[in-house]
Amino acid sequence: MKKDWIRTEFKLIRKEAGVSAKTLASRTGTGMNTIYNFEKGRTNPALETFEKWLNELGHELEILQIDPETPNAS
């Protein structure tokens, strides 16, 4: 799996929602550069910030816990 898949998926979700980085930043109280730099692979937002972005775009962040004792867990 490509290393930056989450950035690619996020940008696709944002564009499919028809929301610019500037608009998303305004709606969520974050800087446009924070979103831009995340999408370019320069920084990673706090988990709470990423969740806020997804919620604004109509998505939820789901975190799965993987049991390290389970075979093929990675």
Protein backbone atom coordinates (compact mmCIF):
# COMPACT_ATOMS: atom_id res chain seq x y z
CA MET A 1 0.00 0.00 0.00
CA LYS A 2 1.29 3.42 -0.91
CA LYS A 3 2.67 5.37 2.04
CA ASP A 4 0.69 8.54 1.38
CA TRP A 5 -2.66 6.87 0.66
CA ILE A 6 -4.43 8.76 3.45
CA ARG A 7 -3.42 12.12 1.97
CA THR A 8 -4.64 11.07 -1.45
CA GLU A 9 -7.94 9.78 -0.06
CA PHE A 10 -8.45 12.91 2.01
CA LYS A 11 -7.89 15.21 -0.95
CA LEU A 12 -10.27 13.10 -3.05
CA ILE A 13 -12.96 13.30 -0.33
CA ARG A 14 -12.49 17.06 -0.08
CA LYS A 15 -12.69 17.58 -3.83
CA GLU A 16 -15.70 15.25 -4.21
CA ALA A 17 -17.43 17.35 -1.53
CA GLY A 18 -16.69 20.43 -3.62
CA VAL A 19 -14.89 22.12 -0.74
CA SER A 20 -11.68 24.09 -1.26
CA ALA A 21 -8.86 23.94 1.27
CA LYS A 22 -9.56 27.60 2.04
CA THR A 23 -13.25 26.93 2.74
CA LEU A 24 -12.50 23.87 4.85
CA ALA A 25 -9.96 25.84 6.85
CA SER A 26 -12.48 28.60 7.46
CA ARG A 27 -15.24 26.19 8.49
CA THR A 28 -13.02 24.27 10.91
CA GLY A 29 -10.95 27.10 12.36
CA THR A 30 -7.65 25.80 11.03
CA GLY A 31 -5.11 27.44 8.77
CA MET A 32 -5.31 26.85 5.03
CA ASN A 33 -1.57 26.14 5.05
CA THR A 34 -2.15 23.32 7.56
CA ILE A 35 -4.47 21.58 5.10
CA TYR A 36 -2.26 22.38 2.11
CA ASN A 37 0.89 21.11 3.85
CA PHE A 38 -0.86 17.91 4.93
CA GLU A 39 -2.03 17.20 1.39
CA LYS A 40 1.50 17.85 0.09
CA GLY A 41 3.04 15.47 2.65
CA ARG A 42 4.91 18.16 4.57
CA THR A 43 3.11 17.87 7.92
CA ASN A 44 0.61 15.77 9.82
CA PRO A 45 -2.28 17.37 11.66
CA ALA A 46 -3.29 16.44 15.18
CA LEU A 47 -5.76 13.58 15.20
CA GLU A 48 -8.47 15.88 16.53
CA THR A 49 -7.89 18.31 13.66
CA PHE A 50 -8.02 15.55 11.05
CA GLU A 51 -11.24 14.26 12.58
CA LYS A 52 -12.73 17.78 12.49
CA TRP A 53 -11.88 18.06 8.78
CA LEU A 54 -13.47 14.71 7.98
CA ASN A 55 -16.60 15.51 9.98
CA GLU A 56 -16.99 18.81 8.11
CA LEU A 57 -16.77 16.83 4.85
CA GLY A 58 -19.48 14.41 6.04
CA HIS A 59 -17.19 11.53 7.02
CA GLU A 60 -16.19 9.92 10.29
CA LEU A 61 -12.79 8.82 11.47
CA GLU A 62 -12.80 5.22 12.61
CA ILE A 63 -9.80 3.80 14.39
CA LEU A 64 -9.48 0.05 14.50
CA GLN A 65 -7.51 -1.64 17.21
CA ILE A 66 -5.57 -4.62 15.94
CA ASP A 67 -4.59 -7.37 18.31
CA PRO A 68 -0.82 -7.88 17.92
CA GLU A 69 -1.33 -11.56 18.77
CA THR A 70 -3.45 -12.04 15.68
CA PRO A 71 -1.55 -13.59 12.76
CA ASN A 72 -0.98 -11.20 9.83
CA ALA A 73 -1.66 -8.13 11.99
CA SER A 74 0.36 -5.22 10.69
